[in-house]
Amino acid sequence: MKVNIHCGDKTREGYSNFDIRASGDTKLKQVKDYSMIQCSANEIEEMVAHAGTLESMTRSEIPERLKSWYERIKPGGSLKLSFIESKKIATSYSYNNMDLVSYESHISSCKSLHSMFEVRNTLIALGFKIKTSDFSINDYIGTIHAEK
């Protein structure tokens, strides 16, 4: 099974597409949260979690959600996670490389923000092996590819 979460209108063929937001897209299933409780242990071959997934959760929810994902990803399976990199976005705004409107649009709907260091360490503590980590989209989005 391949899973695509917090995808909005970016559904993928061959994936189970989930989002907490309602949509008229029949390929998208609306879920209450991203714990993936509808998937069995070791069932997911690949999970793609788009920027905004972690930010839709409170800081206290994140460790349990990531643990839930780890349990549902099969051995050798992968997690491709993107998130708003809090230090990069704050630095960009602080040094006048981003206007206030852009800054607010990045963080206005976030329940939590994260640094690359924090996310990598959390995934490693759960047992994931980090394959790659990088920044994209003007360095504001952190991306991590991890395997179980």
N, C-alpha and C. Protein backbone atom coordinates (compact mmCIF):
# COMPACT_ATOMS: atom_id res chain seq x y z
N MET A 1 0.84 -1.18 0.00
CA MET A 1 0.00 0.00 0.00
C MET A 1 0.88 1.24 0.00
N LYS A 2 0.52 2.22 -0.80
CA LYS A 2 1.19 3.51 -0.83
C LYS A 2 0.20 4.57 -0.35
N VAL A 3 0.69 5.49 0.47
CA VAL A 3 -0.17 6.48 1.12
C VAL A 3 0.34 7.88 0.82
N ASN A 4 -0.57 8.77 0.50
CA ASN A 4 -0.28 10.17 0.20
C ASN A 4 -1.15 11.00 1.14
N ILE A 5 -0.52 11.69 2.11
CA ILE A 5 -1.32 12.41 3.11
C ILE A 5 -1.08 13.92 3.06
N HIS A 6 -2.12 14.63 3.46
CA HIS A 6 -2.18 16.09 3.45
C HIS A 6 -1.89 16.59 2.03
N CYS A 7 -2.55 15.94 1.09
CA CYS A 7 -2.24 16.17 -0.32
C CYS A 7 -3.17 17.18 -0.99
N GLY A 8 -4.28 17.53 -0.36
CA GLY A 8 -5.21 18.47 -0.99
C GLY A 8 -5.62 17.96 -2.35
N ASP A 9 -5.45 18.78 -3.38
CA ASP A 9 -5.84 18.36 -4.73
C ASP A 9 -4.70 17.67 -5.48
N LYS A 10 -3.60 17.35 -4.79
CA LYS A 10 -2.45 16.68 -5.41
C LYS A 10 -2.51 15.18 -5.16
N THR A 11 -3.62 14.57 -5.55
CA THR A 11 -3.76 13.12 -5.37
C THR A 11 -2.82 12.41 -6.34
N ARG A 12 -2.45 11.19 -5.98
CA ARG A 12 -1.54 10.40 -6.81
C ARG A 12 -2.20 9.09 -7.19
N GLU A 13 -2.03 8.72 -8.44
CA GLU A 13 -2.53 7.42 -8.90
C GLU A 13 -1.74 6.31 -8.21
N GLY A 14 -2.43 5.26 -7.81
CA GLY A 14 -1.78 4.13 -7.17
C GLY A 14 -1.54 4.32 -5.68
N TYR A 15 -2.00 5.44 -5.14
CA TYR A 15 -1.85 5.75 -3.71
C TYR A 15 -3.22 5.87 -3.07
N SER A 16 -3.28 5.59 -1.77
CA SER A 16 -4.45 5.95 -0.98
C SER A 16 -4.20 7.39 -0.54
N ASN A 17 -5.09 8.29 -0.93
CA ASN A 17 -4.92 9.72 -0.69
C ASN A 17 -5.80 10.17 0.47
N PHE A 18 -5.18 10.81 1.48
CA PHE A 18 -5.89 11.24 2.68
C PHE A 18 -5.63 12.72 2.97
N ASP A 19 -6.66 13.40 3.47
CA ASP A 19 -6.50 14.78 3.91
C ASP A 19 -7.53 15.05 5.00
N ILE A 20 -7.20 15.99 5.89
CA ILE A 20 -8.14 16.36 6.94
C ILE A 20 -9.16 17.37 6.42
N ARG A 21 -8.86 17.96 5.26
CA ARG A 21 -9.77 18.93 4.66
C ARG A 21 -10.75 18.21 3.73
N ALA A 22 -11.96 18.69 3.68
CA ALA A 22 -12.97 18.11 2.80
C ALA A 22 -12.66 18.46 1.35
N SER A 23 -13.04 17.56 0.45
CA SER A 23 -12.80 17.78 -0.97
C SER A 23 -13.86 17.04 -1.76
N GLY A 24 -14.14 17.54 -2.95
CA GLY A 24 -15.07 16.86 -3.84
C GLY A 24 -14.39 15.79 -4.66
N ASP A 25 -13.07 15.68 -4.54
CA ASP A 25 -12.30 14.70 -5.30
C ASP A 25 -12.59 13.30 -4.77
N THR A 26 -13.07 12.43 -5.63
CA THR A 26 -13.42 11.06 -5.21
C THR A 26 -12.19 10.21 -4.91
N LYS A 27 -11.00 10.65 -5.34
CA LYS A 27 -9.77 9.92 -5.05
C LYS A 27 -9.23 10.23 -3.66
N LEU A 28 -9.84 11.21 -2.99
CA LEU A 28 -9.35 11.69 -1.70
C LEU A 28 -10.31 11.27 -0.58
N LYS A 29 -9.74 10.69 0.47
CA LYS A 29 -10.54 10.31 1.62
C LYS A 29 -10.27 11.30 2.75
N GLN A 30 -11.34 11.89 3.30
CA GLN A 30 -11.18 12.80 4.42
C GLN A 30 -11.03 12.00 5.70
N VAL A 31 -10.04 12.38 6.52
CA VAL A 31 -9.78 11.71 7.80
C VAL A 31 -9.80 12.75 8.92
N LYS A 32 -10.03 12.28 10.13
CA LYS A 32 -10.07 13.15 11.29
C LYS A 32 -8.65 13.62 11.66
N ASP A 33 -7.69 12.71 11.55
CA ASP A 33 -6.29 13.03 11.84
C ASP A 33 -5.40 12.11 11.02
N TYR A 34 -4.10 12.27 11.17
CA TYR A 34 -3.17 11.50 10.35
C TYR A 34 -2.51 10.35 11.12
N SER A 35 -3.24 9.76 12.06
CA SER A 35 -2.66 8.63 12.80
C SER A 35 -2.61 7.37 11.96
N MET A 36 -3.34 7.31 10.86
CA MET A 36 -3.37 6.17 9.94
C MET A 36 -3.88 4.90 10.62
N ILE A 37 -4.82 5.05 11.55
CA ILE A 37 -5.33 3.89 12.27
C ILE A 37 -6.09 2.93 11.35
N GLN A 38 -6.50 3.38 10.18
CA GLN A 38 -7.21 2.50 9.26
C GLN A 38 -6.24 1.57 8.52
N CYS A 39 -4.92 1.76 8.68
CA CYS A 39 -3.93 0.89 8.07
C CYS A 39 -3.40 -0.09 9.12
N SER A 40 -3.12 -1.30 8.70
CA SER A 40 -2.57 -2.30 9.61
C SER A 40 -1.08 -2.10 9.81
N ALA A 41 -0.53 -2.73 10.84
CA ALA A 41 0.91 -2.69 11.09
C ALA A 41 1.64 -3.29 9.89
N ASN A 42 2.76 -2.68 9.55
CA ASN A 42 3.63 -3.15 8.46
C ASN A 42 2.92 -3.25 7.11
N GLU A 43 1.93 -2.42 6.87
CA GLU A 43 1.15 -2.48 5.63
C GLU A 43 1.62 -1.46 4.58
N ILE A 44 2.19 -0.35 5.01
CA ILE A 44 2.51 0.74 4.09
C ILE A 44 3.91 0.56 3.51
N GLU A 45 3.96 0.56 2.20
CA GLU A 45 5.23 0.47 1.47
C GLU A 45 5.90 1.83 1.36
N GLU A 46 5.09 2.86 1.10
CA GLU A 46 5.61 4.22 0.97
C GLU A 46 4.58 5.21 1.49
N MET A 47 5.04 6.16 2.29
CA MET A 47 4.17 7.22 2.79
C MET A 47 4.78 8.55 2.37
N VAL A 48 3.97 9.37 1.72
CA VAL A 48 4.36 10.72 1.35
C VAL A 48 3.52 11.66 2.20
N ALA A 49 4.19 12.48 3.00
CA ALA A 49 3.52 13.46 3.86
C ALA A 49 3.96 14.85 3.44
N HIS A 50 3.04 15.61 2.89
CA HIS A 50 3.35 16.93 2.33
C HIS A 50 3.52 17.99 3.41
N ALA A 51 4.18 19.09 3.03
CA ALA A 51 4.32 20.23 3.93
C ALA A 51 2.94 20.62 4.43
N GLY A 52 2.84 20.85 5.70
CA GLY A 52 1.55 21.16 6.33
C GLY A 52 1.04 20.00 7.17
N THR A 53 1.55 18.79 6.93
CA THR A 53 1.10 17.63 7.71
C THR A 53 1.47 17.79 9.17
N LEU A 54 2.75 17.93 9.45
CA LEU A 54 3.18 18.10 10.85
C LEU A 54 2.60 19.38 11.44
N GLU A 55 2.52 20.42 10.61
CA GLU A 55 2.04 21.71 11.09
C GLU A 55 0.55 21.68 11.43
N SER A 56 -0.18 20.67 10.95
CA SER A 56 -1.60 20.55 11.27
C SER A 56 -1.82 19.89 12.64
N MET A 57 -0.72 19.48 13.27
CA MET A 57 -0.78 18.80 14.57
C MET A 57 -0.17 19.70 15.65
N THR A 58 -0.64 19.52 16.88
CA THR A 58 0.01 20.21 17.99
C THR A 58 1.32 19.48 18.30
N ARG A 59 2.21 20.16 18.98
CA ARG A 59 3.50 19.55 19.34
C ARG A 59 3.31 18.27 20.15
N SER A 60 2.30 18.23 21.00
CA SER A 60 2.09 17.04 21.82
C SER A 60 1.55 15.85 21.01
N GLU A 61 0.92 16.10 19.88
CA GLU A 61 0.39 15.02 19.04
C GLU A 61 1.46 14.36 18.17
N ILE A 62 2.48 15.11 17.81
CA ILE A 62 3.44 14.66 16.80
C ILE A 62 4.18 13.37 17.17
N PRO A 63 4.75 13.23 18.36
CA PRO A 63 5.46 11.97 18.64
C PRO A 63 4.57 10.73 18.48
N GLU A 64 3.34 10.81 18.92
CA GLU A 64 2.44 9.66 18.80
C GLU A 64 2.07 9.39 17.35
N ARG A 65 1.85 10.45 16.56
CA ARG A 65 1.53 10.26 15.14
C ARG A 65 2.71 9.62 14.40
N LEU A 66 3.92 10.14 14.63
CA LEU A 66 5.10 9.58 13.97
C LEU A 66 5.32 8.13 14.39
N LYS A 67 5.06 7.82 15.64
CA LYS A 67 5.17 6.42 16.11
C LYS A 67 4.15 5.55 15.39
N SER A 68 2.95 6.07 15.22
CA SER A 68 1.89 5.34 14.52
C SER A 68 2.30 5.07 13.07
N TRP A 69 2.90 6.06 12.42
CA TRP A 69 3.38 5.86 11.04
C TRP A 69 4.45 4.79 11.00
N TYR A 70 5.40 4.87 11.93
CA TYR A 70 6.50 3.90 11.97
C TYR A 70 5.94 2.48 12.07
N GLU A 71 4.97 2.30 12.94
CA GLU A 71 4.37 0.97 13.13
C GLU A 71 3.66 0.47 11.88
N ARG A 72 3.12 1.36 11.08
CA ARG A 72 2.35 0.97 9.90
C ARG A 72 3.20 0.84 8.62
N ILE A 73 4.38 1.43 8.63
CA ILE A 73 5.29 1.28 7.49
C ILE A 73 6.00 -0.05 7.63
N LYS A 74 6.00 -0.81 6.54
CA LYS A 74 6.62 -2.14 6.60
C LYS A 74 8.14 -2.03 6.59
N PRO A 75 8.85 -3.05 7.10
CA PRO A 75 10.31 -3.02 7.05
C PRO A 75 10.80 -2.80 5.62
N GLY A 76 11.72 -1.87 5.47
CA GLY A 76 12.21 -1.51 4.14
C GLY A 76 11.36 -0.45 3.46
N GLY A 77 10.20 -0.13 4.05
CA GLY A 77 9.32 0.89 3.50
C GLY A 77 9.86 2.29 3.78
N SER A 78 9.29 3.28 3.10
CA SER A 78 9.84 4.63 3.22
C SER A 78 8.81 5.68 3.63
N LEU A 79 9.34 6.72 4.23
CA LEU A 79 8.58 7.91 4.60
C LEU A 79 9.25 9.08 3.90
N LYS A 80 8.48 9.82 3.10
CA LYS A 80 8.97 11.04 2.45
C LYS A 80 8.18 12.19 3.05
N LEU A 81 8.84 12.94 3.90
CA LEU A 81 8.19 13.95 4.73
C LEU A 81 8.69 15.34 4.37
N SER A 82 7.76 16.27 4.16
CA SER A 82 8.10 17.68 3.94
C SER A 82 7.43 18.50 5.04
N PHE A 83 8.09 19.57 5.46
CA PHE A 83 7.56 20.39 6.54
C PHE A 83 8.12 21.80 6.43
N ILE A 84 7.42 22.76 7.03
CA ILE A 84 7.90 24.13 7.06
C ILE A 84 9.04 24.18 8.06
N GLU A 85 10.22 24.61 7.61
CA GLU A 85 11.42 24.65 8.45
C GLU A 85 11.43 25.98 9.20
N SER A 86 11.12 25.92 10.48
CA SER A 86 10.89 27.13 11.28
C SER A 86 12.10 28.05 11.34
N LYS A 87 13.29 27.52 11.49
CA LYS A 87 14.47 28.37 11.61
C LYS A 87 14.78 29.07 10.29
N LYS A 88 14.60 28.38 9.19
CA LYS A 88 14.88 28.98 7.88
C LYS A 88 13.89 30.11 7.58
N ILE A 89 12.62 29.87 7.88
CA ILE A 89 11.62 30.89 7.56
C ILE A 89 11.76 32.11 8.48
N ALA A 90 12.07 31.88 9.75
CA ALA A 90 12.26 33.00 10.68
C ALA A 90 13.50 33.81 10.32
N THR A 91 14.57 33.12 9.95
CA THR A 91 15.80 33.81 9.54
C THR A 91 15.56 34.65 8.29
N SER A 92 14.86 34.09 7.34
CA SER A 92 14.58 34.81 6.10
C SER A 92 13.79 36.08 6.38
N TYR A 93 12.79 35.99 7.23
CA TYR A 93 12.00 37.17 7.58
C TYR A 93 12.86 38.18 8.36
N SER A 94 13.64 37.69 9.29
CA SER A 94 14.49 38.57 10.12
C SER A 94 15.48 39.37 9.31
N TYR A 95 15.99 38.76 8.24
CA TYR A 95 16.98 39.45 7.40
C TYR A 95 16.35 40.13 6.18
N ASN A 96 15.04 40.39 6.27
CA ASN A 96 14.31 41.11 5.22
C ASN A 96 14.35 40.42 3.86
N ASN A 97 14.47 39.10 3.85
CA ASN A 97 14.40 38.35 2.60
C ASN A 97 12.99 37.84 2.34
N MET A 98 12.07 38.17 3.23
CA MET A 98 10.68 37.77 3.09
C MET A 98 9.82 38.86 3.70
N ASP A 99 8.76 39.25 3.00
CA ASP A 99 7.88 40.28 3.55
C ASP A 99 6.93 39.68 4.58
N LEU A 100 6.32 40.54 5.35
CA LEU A 100 5.45 40.11 6.44
C LEU A 100 4.26 39.29 5.94
N VAL A 101 3.67 39.67 4.83
CA VAL A 101 2.52 38.94 4.29
C VAL A 101 2.92 37.51 3.94
N SER A 102 4.07 37.33 3.29
CA SER A 102 4.54 35.98 2.94
C SER A 102 4.84 35.18 4.19
N TYR A 103 5.50 35.81 5.15
CA TYR A 103 5.82 35.14 6.42
C TYR A 103 4.55 34.67 7.12
N GLU A 104 3.58 35.56 7.23
CA GLU A 104 2.33 35.20 7.89
C GLU A 104 1.58 34.11 7.13
N SER A 105 1.65 34.11 5.81
CA SER A 105 0.96 33.08 5.03
C SER A 105 1.57 31.70 5.28
N HIS A 106 2.87 31.65 5.55
CA HIS A 106 3.53 30.38 5.84
C HIS A 106 3.14 29.83 7.21
N ILE A 107 2.94 30.71 8.18
CA ILE A 107 2.76 30.24 9.55
C ILE A 107 1.36 30.44 10.13
N SER A 108 0.48 31.13 9.44
CA SER A 108 -0.81 31.50 10.02
C SER A 108 -1.70 30.33 10.39
N SER A 109 -1.64 29.25 9.65
CA SER A 109 -2.52 28.12 9.97
C SER A 109 -1.79 26.99 10.67
N CYS A 110 -0.55 27.21 11.08
CA CYS A 110 0.24 26.16 11.72
C CYS A 110 -0.07 26.04 13.21
N LYS A 111 -0.27 24.81 13.65
CA LYS A 111 -0.41 24.54 15.08
C LYS A 111 0.97 24.37 15.71
N SER A 112 1.98 24.05 14.90
CA SER A 112 3.34 23.87 15.38
C SER A 112 4.32 24.07 14.22
N LEU A 113 5.55 24.43 14.56
CA LEU A 113 6.62 24.58 13.56
C LEU A 113 7.81 23.74 14.00
N HIS A 114 8.69 23.39 13.06
CA HIS A 114 9.74 22.42 13.34
C HIS A 114 11.04 22.77 12.65
N SER A 115 12.14 22.33 13.25
CA SER A 115 13.45 22.49 12.63
C SER A 115 13.89 21.14 12.06
N MET A 116 14.78 21.18 11.10
CA MET A 116 15.30 19.95 10.50
C MET A 116 15.93 19.06 11.57
N PHE A 117 16.71 19.67 12.46
CA PHE A 117 17.37 18.93 13.53
C PHE A 117 16.35 18.18 14.39
N GLU A 118 15.30 18.86 14.78
CA GLU A 118 14.27 18.27 15.63
C GLU A 118 13.56 17.10 14.94
N VAL A 119 13.17 17.28 13.69
CA VAL A 119 12.44 16.23 12.97
C VAL A 119 13.35 15.03 12.73
N ARG A 120 14.57 15.26 12.28
CA ARG A 120 15.52 14.16 12.07
C ARG A 120 15.72 13.35 13.35
N ASN A 121 15.96 14.04 14.47
CA ASN A 121 16.20 13.35 15.74
C ASN A 121 14.99 12.54 16.19
N THR A 122 13.81 13.07 15.99
CA THR A 122 12.59 12.34 16.37
C THR A 122 12.45 11.08 15.53
N LEU A 123 12.66 11.18 14.22
CA LEU A 123 12.55 10.01 13.35
C LEU A 123 13.60 8.96 13.70
N ILE A 124 14.82 9.39 13.96
CA ILE A 124 15.89 8.45 14.33
C ILE A 124 15.56 7.75 15.64
N ALA A 125 15.04 8.50 16.62
CA ALA A 125 14.68 7.91 17.91
C ALA A 125 13.60 6.85 17.77
N LEU A 126 12.73 6.99 16.78
CA LEU A 126 11.68 6.01 16.54
C LEU A 126 12.20 4.76 15.81
N GLY A 127 13.37 4.85 15.21
CA GLY A 127 13.93 3.71 14.49
C GLY A 127 14.10 3.90 13.00
N PHE A 128 13.68 5.06 12.47
CA PHE A 128 13.87 5.32 11.05
C PHE A 128 15.35 5.53 10.75
N LYS A 129 15.74 5.16 9.54
CA LYS A 129 17.08 5.44 9.02
C LYS A 129 16.93 6.59 8.02
N ILE A 130 17.65 7.67 8.22
CA ILE A 130 17.57 8.83 7.35
C ILE A 130 18.37 8.55 6.08
N LYS A 131 17.72 8.62 4.94
CA LYS A 131 18.38 8.43 3.65
C LYS A 131 18.88 9.77 3.10
N THR A 132 18.00 10.77 3.08
CA THR A 132 18.39 12.11 2.64
C THR A 132 17.61 13.14 3.44
N SER A 133 18.19 14.32 3.57
CA SER A 133 17.48 15.47 4.14
C SER A 133 18.01 16.71 3.43
N ASP A 134 17.10 17.61 3.11
CA ASP A 134 17.47 18.76 2.30
C ASP A 134 16.42 19.85 2.47
N PHE A 135 16.61 20.93 1.76
CA PHE A 135 15.65 22.03 1.76
C PHE A 135 15.22 22.30 0.33
N SER A 136 13.97 22.72 0.18
CA SER A 136 13.45 23.05 -1.14
C SER A 136 12.57 24.28 -1.05
N ILE A 137 12.05 24.72 -2.17
CA ILE A 137 11.17 25.89 -2.25
C ILE A 137 11.74 27.06 -1.46
N ASN A 138 12.77 27.68 -2.02
CA ASN A 138 13.42 28.83 -1.39
C ASN A 138 13.93 28.52 0.01
N ASP A 139 14.29 27.28 0.26
CA ASP A 139 14.84 26.83 1.55
C ASP A 139 13.87 26.90 2.72
N TYR A 140 12.59 27.10 2.50
CA TYR A 140 11.63 27.18 3.60
C TYR A 140 11.03 25.82 3.94
N ILE A 141 11.13 24.90 3.03
CA ILE A 141 10.54 23.58 3.23
C ILE A 141 11.65 22.55 3.43
N GLY A 142 11.62 21.89 4.58
CA GLY A 142 12.55 20.80 4.82
C GLY A 142 11.98 19.52 4.27
N THR A 143 12.84 18.68 3.70
CA THR A 143 12.40 17.38 3.19
C THR A 143 13.30 16.30 3.75
N ILE A 144 12.70 15.22 4.17
CA ILE A 144 13.44 14.08 4.71
C ILE A 144 12.89 12.81 4.05
N HIS A 145 13.79 11.97 3.58
CA HIS A 145 13.43 10.65 3.09
C HIS A 145 14.04 9.67 4.08
N ALA A 146 13.18 8.92 4.75
CA ALA A 146 13.62 7.96 5.75
C ALA A 146 13.07 6.58 5.41
N GLU A 147 13.76 5.55 5.91
CA GLU A 147 13.30 4.17 5.71
C GLU A 147 13.21 3.48 7.06
N LYS A 148 12.34 2.50 7.10
CA LYS A 148 12.19 1.69 8.31
C LYS A 148 13.10 0.50 8.22
